[in-house]
C-alpha atoms as a PDB file:
ATOM      1  CA  MET A   1      83.350  76.950  59.435  1.00  0.00           C
ATOM      2  CA  SER A   2      86.448  76.169  57.348  1.00  0.00           C
ATOM      3  CA  ASN A   3      87.946  72.681  57.316  1.00  0.00           C
ATOM      4  CA  ILE A   4      91.215  74.035  58.744  1.00  0.00           C
ATOM      5  CA  LYS A   5      89.420  75.736  61.634  1.00  0.00           C
ATOM      6  CA  VAL A   6      87.498  72.517  62.327  1.00  0.00           C
ATOM      7  CA  LYS A   7      90.773  70.587  62.346  1.00  0.00           C
ATOM      8  CA  ALA A   8      92.375  73.149  64.678  1.00  0.00           C
ATOM      9  CA  GLN A   9      89.415  72.957  67.052  1.00  0.00           C
ATOM     10  CA  GLN A  10      89.506  69.152  67.053  1.00  0.00           C
ATOM     11  CA  TYR A  11      93.236  69.117  67.841  1.00  0.00           C
ATOM     12  CA  LEU A  12      92.770  71.539  70.721  1.00  0.00           C
ATOM     13  CA  GLU A  13      89.743  69.721  72.129  1.00  0.00           C
ATOM     14  CA  LYS A  14      91.516  66.362  72.096  1.00  0.00           C
ATOM     15  CA  ASP A  15      94.685  67.700  73.715  1.00  0.00           C
ATOM     16  CA  ILE A  16      92.719  69.553  76.395  1.00  0.00           C
ATOM     17  CA  ILE A  17      90.658  66.454  77.200  1.00  0.00           C
ATOM     18  CA  GLU A  18      93.805  64.297  77.240  1.00  0.00           C
ATOM     19  CA  GLN A  19      95.547  66.849  79.515  1.00  0.00           C
ATOM     20  CA  LEU A  20      98.356  67.305  76.986  1.00  0.00           C
ATOM     21  CA  LEU A  21      97.382  70.958  77.298  1.00  0.00           C
ATOM     22  CA  ARG A  22      97.114  71.247  81.062  1.00  0.00           C
ATOM     23  CA  PRO A  23      94.520  73.065  83.177  1.00  0.00           C
ATOM     24  CA  SER A  24      95.448  76.763  83.497  1.00  0.00           C
ATOM     25  CA  GLU A  25      98.222  76.428  80.885  1.00  0.00           C
ATOM     26  CA  ARG A  26      98.738  79.596  78.873  1.00  0.00           C
ATOM     27  CA  LEU A  27      98.056  79.152  75.155  1.00  0.00           C
ATOM     28  CA  VAL A  28     100.413  80.927  72.747  1.00  0.00           C
ATOM     29  CA  ILE A  29      99.103  80.913  69.178  1.00  0.00           C
ATOM     30  CA  LYS A  30     102.567  80.727  67.612  1.00  0.00           C
ATOM     31  CA  ASP A  31     103.435  77.708  69.744  1.00  0.00           C
ATOM     32  CA  LEU A  32     100.167  76.029  68.813  1.00  0.00           C
ATOM     33  CA  ALA A  33     100.822  76.726  65.132  1.00  0.00           C
ATOM     34  CA  ARG A  34     104.140  74.902  65.362  1.00  0.00           C
ATOM     35  CA  ARG A  35     102.592  72.101  67.416  1.00  0.00           C
ATOM     36  CA  TYR A  36      99.828  71.370  64.896  1.00  0.00           C
ATOM     37  CA  SER A  37     101.478  72.656  61.689  1.00  0.00           C
ATOM     38  CA  LEU A  38      98.558  75.001  61.084  1.00  0.00           C
ATOM     39  CA  GLY A  39      98.205  78.697  60.357  1.00  0.00           C
ATOM     40  CA  LEU A  40      97.759  81.388  62.980  1.00  0.00           C
ATOM     41  CA  SER A  41      94.308  82.565  61.841  1.00  0.00           C
ATOM     42  CA  PRO A  42      92.447  79.234  62.093  1.00  0.00           C
ATOM     43  CA  LEU A  43      94.036  78.614  65.502  1.00  0.00           C
ATOM     44  CA  ARG A  44      92.940  82.026  66.768  1.00  0.00           C
ATOM     45  CA  GLU A  45      89.416  81.275  65.570  1.00  0.00           C
ATOM     46  CA  ALA A  46      89.486  77.820  67.175  1.00  0.00           C
ATOM     47  CA  VAL A  47      90.658  79.266  70.505  1.00  0.00           C
ATOM     48  CA  GLN A  48      87.879  81.843  70.442  1.00  0.00           C
ATOM     49  CA  ALA A  49      85.306  79.153  69.557  1.00  0.00           C
ATOM     50  CA  LEU A  50      86.433  76.929  72.432  1.00  0.00           C
ATOM     51  CA  SER A  51      86.206  79.861  74.832  1.00  0.00           C
ATOM     52  CA  HIS A  52      82.431  79.571  74.404  1.00  0.00           C
ATOM     53  CA  THR A  53      82.424  75.901  75.412  1.00  0.00           C
ATOM     54  CA  GLY A  54      84.218  76.226  78.739  1.00  0.00           C
ATOM     55  CA  PHE A  55      87.432  74.583  77.515  1.00  0.00           C
ATOM     56  CA  ILE A  56      89.403  77.814  77.247  1.00  0.00           C
ATOM     57  CA  HIS A  57      89.451  81.153  79.063  1.00  0.00           C
ATOM     58  CA  TYR A  58      90.020  83.937  76.528  1.00  0.00           C
ATOM     59  CA  ARG A  59      90.267  87.704  76.928  1.00  0.00           C
ATOM     60  CA  PRO A  60      90.946  89.952  73.917  1.00  0.00           C
ATOM     61  CA  ASN A  61      94.360  91.637  74.184  1.00  0.00           C
ATOM     62  CA  HIS A  62      95.194  89.500  77.229  1.00  0.00           C
ATOM     63  CA  GLY A  63      95.539  86.038  75.722  1.00  0.00           C
ATOM     64  CA  ALA A  64      94.083  82.636  76.479  1.00  0.00           C
ATOM     65  CA  CYS A  65      94.633  79.698  78.807  1.00  0.00           C
ATOM     66  CA  VAL A  66      93.134  76.262  79.300  1.00  0.00           C
ATOM     67  CA  ALA A  67      90.230  76.528  81.709  1.00  0.00           C
ATOM     68  CA  PRO A  68      91.129  75.281  85.201  1.00  0.00           C
ATOM     69  CA  LEU A  69      89.290  72.389  86.826  1.00  0.00           C
ATOM     70  CA  SER A  70      87.461  72.842  90.107  1.00  0.00           C
ATOM     71  CA  MET A  71      85.081  71.005  92.387  1.00  0.00           C
ATOM     72  CA  ASP A  72      82.583  73.846  92.000  1.00  0.00           C
ATOM     73  CA  GLU A  73      82.503  73.400  88.239  1.00  0.00           C
ATOM     74  CA  LEU A  74      82.195  69.619  88.534  1.00  0.00           C
ATOM     75  CA  ASN A  75      79.262  70.006  90.922  1.00  0.00           C
ATOM     76  CA  SER A  76      77.609  72.479  88.555  1.00  0.00           C
ATOM     77  CA  ILE A  77      78.022  70.116  85.599  1.00  0.00           C
ATOM     78  CA  VAL A  78      76.527  67.115  87.399  1.00  0.00           C
ATOM     79  CA  ASP A  79      73.721  69.159  88.975  1.00  0.00           C
ATOM     80  CA  PHE A  80      72.763  70.570  85.571  1.00  0.00           C
ATOM     81  CA  LEU A  81      72.764  67.140  83.899  1.00  0.00           C
ATOM     82  CA  CYS A  82      70.748  65.582  86.720  1.00  0.00           C
ATOM     83  CA  HIS A  83      68.242  68.429  86.477  1.00  0.00           C
ATOM     84  CA  GLN A  84      67.661  67.488  82.827  1.00  0.00           C
ATOM     85  CA  LEU A  85      66.717  63.978  83.996  1.00  0.00           C
ATOM     86  CA  LEU A  86      63.906  65.047  86.327  1.00  0.00           C
ATOM     87  CA  PRO A  87      60.702  63.129  85.434  1.00  0.00           C
ATOM     88  CA  ASN A  88      58.664  66.313  85.013  1.00  0.00           C
ATOM     89  CA  LYS A  89      61.112  67.936  82.590  1.00  0.00           C
ATOM     90  CA  ARG A  90      59.483  68.827  79.282  1.00  0.00           C
ATOM     91  CA  VAL A  91      61.070  67.281  76.245  1.00  0.00           C
ATOM     92  CA  ALA A  92      60.601  67.702  72.523  1.00  0.00           C
ATOM     93  CA  PRO A  93      57.268  66.243  71.219  1.00  0.00           C
ATOM     94  CA  GLU A  94      58.966  63.856  68.825  1.00  0.00           C
ATOM     95  CA  LYS A  95      60.856  62.382  71.767  1.00  0.00           C
ATOM     96  CA  GLU A  96      57.750  62.053  73.896  1.00  0.00           C
ATOM     97  CA  ASN A  97      55.685  60.272  71.244  1.00  0.00           C
ATOM     98  CA  GLY A  98      58.427  58.270  69.587  1.00  0.00           C
ATOM     99  CA  GLU A  99      61.172  56.058  70.881  1.00  0.00           C
ATOM    100  CA  VAL A 100      62.518  56.955  74.314  1.00  0.00           C
ATOM    101  CA  VAL A 101      66.065  56.686  73.039  1.00  0.00           C
ATOM    102  CA  GLN A 102      67.680  56.068  69.694  1.00  0.00           C
ATOM    103  CA  GLU A 103      68.264  52.430  70.376  1.00  0.00           C
ATOM    104  CA  TYR A 104      70.668  51.535  67.613  1.00  0.00           C
ATOM    105  CA  GLN A 105      73.021  54.409  68.364  1.00  0.00           C
ATOM    106  CA  LEU A 106      72.786  53.717  72.078  1.00  0.00           C
ATOM    107  CA  LEU A 107      73.584  50.043  71.587  1.00  0.00           C
ATOM    108  CA  TYR A 108      76.488  50.933  69.297  1.00  0.00           C
ATOM    109  CA  HIS A 109      78.077  53.165  71.952  1.00  0.00           C
ATOM    110  CA  PHE A 110      77.331  50.604  74.657  1.00  0.00           C
ATOM    111  CA  ARG A 111      78.927  47.797  72.639  1.00  0.00           C
ATOM    112  CA  LYS A 112      82.049  49.875  71.983  1.00  0.00           C
ATOM    113  CA  PHE A 113      82.195  50.858  75.648  1.00  0.00           C
ATOM    114  CA  GLY A 114      81.918  47.190  76.611  1.00  0.00           C
ATOM    115  CA  GLU A 115      84.651  46.132  74.203  1.00  0.00           C
ATOM    116  CA  SER A 116      86.990  48.712  75.713  1.00  0.00           C
ATOM    117  CA  THR A 117      86.299  47.756  79.315  1.00  0.00           C
ATOM    118  CA  LYS A 118      86.434  43.948  79.033  1.00  0.00           C
ATOM    119  CA  LEU A 119      90.034  43.596  80.126  1.00  0.00           C
ATOM    120  CA  ASN A 120      91.788  41.146  82.390  1.00  0.00           C
ATOM    121  CA  GLY A 121      94.718  41.729  84.694  1.00  0.00           C
ATOM    122  CA  PRO A 122      96.676  44.956  84.759  1.00  0.00           C
ATOM    123  CA  ASP A 123      95.947  45.966  81.155  1.00  0.00           C
ATOM    124  CA  LEU A 124      94.540  49.471  80.808  1.00  0.00           C
ATOM    125  CA  PRO A 125      91.852  50.494  78.302  1.00  0.00           C
ATOM    126  CA  ASN A 126      91.944  53.420  75.910  1.00  0.00           C
ATOM    127  CA  PHE A 127      90.379  55.995  78.225  1.00  0.00           C
ATOM    128  CA  TYR A 128      89.800  58.536  75.453  1.00  0.00           C
ATOM    129  CA  HIS A 129      87.615  56.032  73.585  1.00  0.00           C
ATOM    130  CA  ILE A 130      85.799  54.965  76.758  1.00  0.00           C
ATOM    131  CA  ASP A 131      84.924  58.584  77.548  1.00  0.00           C
ATOM    132  CA  GLU A 132      83.854  59.201  73.954  1.00  0.00           C
ATOM    133  CA  HIS A 133      81.346  56.336  74.004  1.00  0.00           C
ATOM    134  CA  LEU A 134      80.194  57.055  77.553  1.00  0.00           C
ATOM    135  CA  VAL A 135      79.373  60.648  76.631  1.00  0.00           C
ATOM    136  CA  GLY A 136      77.726  59.387  73.432  1.00  0.00           C
ATOM    137  CA  MET A 137      75.377  57.286  75.571  1.00  0.00           C
ATOM    138  CA  PHE A 138      74.684  60.187  77.919  1.00  0.00           C
ATOM    139  CA  GLU A 139      73.731  62.447  75.004  1.00  0.00           C
ATOM    140  CA  LEU A 140      71.206  59.871  73.811  1.00  0.00           C
ATOM    141  CA  LEU A 141      69.820  59.126  77.273  1.00  0.00           C
ATOM    142  CA  ILE A 142      69.340  62.714  78.439  1.00  0.00           C
ATOM    143  CA  PRO A 143      66.011  63.934  76.996  1.00  0.00           C
ATOM    144  CA  THR A 144      66.183  66.444  74.159  1.00  0.00           C
ATOM    145  CA  ASN A 145      65.010  69.981  74.820  1.00  0.00           C
ATOM    146  CA  LYS A 146      63.213  72.372  72.478  1.00  0.00           C
ATOM    147  CA  ALA A 147      65.565  75.182  73.429  1.00  0.00           C
ATOM    148  CA  VAL A 148      68.711  75.044  71.309  1.00  0.00           C
ATOM    149  CA  VAL A 149      70.657  76.842  74.007  1.00  0.00           C
ATOM    150  CA  VAL A 150      69.803  74.111  76.541  1.00  0.00           C
ATOM    151  CA  GLN A 151      70.728  71.335  74.137  1.00  0.00           C
ATOM    152  CA  ARG A 152      74.037  73.066  73.434  1.00  0.00           C
ATOM    153  CA  ALA A 153      74.642  73.443  77.176  1.00  0.00           C
ATOM    154  CA  ILE A 154      74.069  69.701  77.659  1.00  0.00           C
ATOM    155  CA  HIS A 155      76.629  68.900  74.963  1.00  0.00           C
ATOM    156  CA  GLN A 156      79.182  71.333  76.389  1.00  0.00           C
ATOM    157  CA  SER A 157      78.656  70.044  79.939  1.00  0.00           C
ATOM    158  CA  LEU A 158      79.287  66.474  78.820  1.00  0.00           C
ATOM    159  CA  GLN A 159      82.427  67.438  76.922  1.00  0.00           C
ATOM    160  CA  ASN A 160      83.738  69.268  79.985  1.00  0.00           C
ATOM    161  CA  LEU A 161      82.913  66.252  82.136  1.00  0.00           C
ATOM    162  CA  ARG A 162      85.361  64.298  79.967  1.00  0.00           C
ATOM    163  CA  ARG A 163      88.206  66.473  81.263  1.00  0.00           C
ATOM    164  CA  TYR A 164      87.474  65.385  84.828  1.00  0.00           C
ATOM    165  CA  LEU A 165      87.139  61.738  83.835  1.00  0.00           C
ATOM    166  CA  ARG A 166      90.469  61.807  82.017  1.00  0.00           C
ATOM    167  CA  LEU A 167      92.290  63.564  84.805  1.00  0.00           C
ATOM    168  CA  TYR A 168      91.072  60.932  87.252  1.00  0.00           C
ATOM    169  CA  THR A 169      92.431  58.130  85.065  1.00  0.00           C
ATOM    170  CA  ILE A 170      95.788  59.889  84.804  1.00  0.00           C
ATOM    171  CA  HIS A 171      96.163  59.781  88.582  1.00  0.00           C
ATOM    172  CA  HIS A 172      94.178  56.633  89.391  1.00  0.00           C
ATOM    173  CA  CYS A 173      94.434  54.514  86.254  1.00  0.00           C
ATOM    174  CA  GLN A 174      94.331  51.217  88.138  1.00  0.00           C
ATOM    175  CA  GLN A 175      91.031  52.221  89.781  1.00  0.00           C
ATOM    176  CA  TRP A 176      89.232  53.044  86.544  1.00  0.00           C
ATOM    177  CA  ARG A 177      86.455  50.469  87.121  1.00  0.00           C
ATOM    178  CA  ARG A 178      85.396  52.351  90.246  1.00  0.00           C
ATOM    179  CA  LEU A 179      84.786  55.447  88.146  1.00  0.00           C
ATOM    180  CA  TYR A 180      83.098  53.886  85.122  1.00  0.00           C
ATOM    181  CA  ALA A 181      81.169  51.124  86.960  1.00  0.00           C
ATOM    182  CA  PRO A 182      80.389  49.020  83.847  1.00  0.00           C
ATOM    183  CA  SER A 183      77.795  46.778  85.541  1.00  0.00           C
ATOM    184  CA  GLU A 184      75.790  49.797  86.769  1.00  0.00           C
ATOM    185  CA  LEU A 185      75.897  51.317  83.286  1.00  0.00           C
ATOM    186  CA  ASP A 186      74.599  48.018  81.889  1.00  0.00           C
ATOM    187  CA  MET A 187      71.528  48.385  84.112  1.00  0.00           C
ATOM    188  CA  VAL A 188      70.968  51.959  82.896  1.00  0.00           C
ATOM    189  CA  VAL A 189      71.050  50.963  79.222  1.00  0.00           C
ATOM    190  CA  HIS A 190      68.855  47.904  79.789  1.00  0.00           C
ATOM    191  CA  LYS A 191      66.228  49.998  81.572  1.00  0.00           C
ATOM    192  CA  ALA A 192      66.399  52.697  78.879  1.00  0.00           C
ATOM    193  CA  ILE A 193      65.599  50.245  76.119  1.00  0.00           C
ATOM    194  CA  TYR A 194      63.194  47.828  77.784  1.00  0.00           C
ATOM    195  CA  SER A 195      61.527  49.792  80.611  1.00  0.00           C
ATOM    196  CA  ALA A 196      59.820  53.112  81.327  1.00  0.00           C
ATOM    197  CA  ARG A 197      61.757  56.356  81.051  1.00  0.00           C
ATOM    198  CA  SER A 198      61.419  57.145  84.759  1.00  0.00           C
ATOM    199  CA  ASP A 199      63.272  53.932  85.621  1.00  0.00           C
ATOM    200  CA  TYR A 200      66.355  54.719  83.589  1.00  0.00           C
ATOM    201  CA  ARG A 201      66.319  58.403  84.509  1.00  0.00           C
ATOM    202  CA  GLU A 202      66.651  57.538  88.184  1.00  0.00           C
ATOM    203  CA  LEU A 203      69.411  55.011  87.484  1.00  0.00           C
ATOM    204  CA  LEU A 204      71.274  57.431  85.243  1.00  0.00           C
ATOM    205  CA  THR A 205      71.018  60.153  87.873  1.00  0.00           C
ATOM    206  CA  ASN A 206      72.525  57.763  90.426  1.00  0.00           C
ATOM    207  CA  TYR A 207      75.266  56.848  87.954  1.00  0.00           C
ATOM    208  CA  LEU A 208      76.180  60.510  87.451  1.00  0.00           C
ATOM    209  CA  VAL A 209      76.140  61.160  91.189  1.00  0.00           C
ATOM    210  CA  ASN A 210      78.493  58.200  91.682  1.00  0.00           C
ATOM    211  CA  ILE A 211      80.904  59.696  89.144  1.00  0.00           C
ATOM    212  CA  GLN A 212      80.684  63.004  91.007  1.00  0.00           C
ATOM    213  CA  SER A 213      81.394  61.255  94.322  1.00  0.00           C
ATOM    214  CA  VAL A 214      84.393  59.286  93.011  1.00  0.00           C
ATOM    215  CA  LEU A 215      85.888  62.371  91.396  1.00  0.00           C
ATOM    216  CA  GLY A 216      85.190  64.487  94.453  1.00  0.00           C
ATOM    217  CA  GLU A 217      86.917  62.042  96.790  1.00  0.00           C
ATOM    218  CA  SER A 218      89.993  61.997  94.562  1.00  0.00           C
ATOM    219  CA  MET A 219      90.315  65.743  94.102  1.00  0.00           C
ATOM    220  CA  VAL A 220      91.840  66.423  97.513  1.00  0.00           C
ATOM    221  CA  LEU A 221      94.660  64.676  99.331  1.00  0.00           C
ATOM    222  CA  GLY A 222      94.848  66.151 102.806  1.00  0.00           C
ATOM    223  CA  SER A 223      94.735  69.908 102.356  1.00  0.00           C
ATOM    224  CA  ASN A 224      96.454  69.939  98.964  1.00  0.00           C
ATOM    225  CA  PRO A 225      94.467  70.026  95.713  1.00  0.00           C
ATOM    226  CA  LEU A 226      95.223  67.005  93.582  1.00  0.00           C
ATOM    227  CA  PHE A 227      94.129  68.356  90.222  1.00  0.00           C
ATOM    228  CA  THR A 228      96.656  71.139  89.771  1.00  0.00           C
ATOM    229  CA  TYR A 229      98.859  72.323  86.946  1.00  0.00           C
ATOM    230  CA  GLU A 230     102.011  70.972  88.590  1.00  0.00           C
ATOM    231  CA  SER A 231     100.609  67.582  89.624  1.00  0.00           C
ATOM    232  CA  VAL A 232      99.337  66.849  86.118  1.00  0.00           C
ATOM    233  CA  ALA A 233     102.678  67.868  84.606  1.00  0.00           C
ATOM    234  CA  VAL A 234     104.518  65.457  86.879  1.00  0.00           C
ATOM    235  CA  SER A 235     102.060  62.643  86.184  1.00  0.00           C
ATOM    236  CA  LEU A 236     102.314  63.028  82.409  1.00  0.00           C
ATOM    237  CA  LYS A 237     106.124  62.746  82.559  1.00  0.00           C
ATOM    238  CA  ARG A 238     106.023  59.318  84.214  1.00  0.00           C
END
């Protein structure tokens, strides 16, 4: 993969996560080229690559758009991740016989997460960085799988989860602690490092289900969907 294509993919991923490219928004390669000051070819390749991750819907000769967000997809993401945490799931031998988690990396992400969330008053954290470190912890805590396709699916599911987390904080920024629940996450990490795997798996499953519940409650106001193309556009202009 060329450096320019990597850069194009990183730009697109960040803007999709940050909702600067909105759910269901049509992607025009020429517009993206002007936006990022990159060539057409690497952007086409980046769009096609991201269509395999769930970030973008792409059809040859029809164009591409940012993948929409839905409660069904959110439920599928959380259900899949929780399934990977079942106590009887088989994991790679080196994970079974070695350390349960990569402690130093886990503690690094946890420390950075803590630094970002230790705020007083009305100050808001950098949500992009919080999500980055939260997902980093999840990737270390969810057991590895021999099947490359499953491991890739875990990574893609976590990256797509970031879109839902970010959209929540756009609309409910003052309620961010309810979503991220720092004290509950502290218990998960403590159990992962100092206790048996089954303990932290159950806690992490509950943590994911809480995220699902908070997001689910916020996705509908009355009979109108909250997470829509128009509502995000209005919110980002404030």
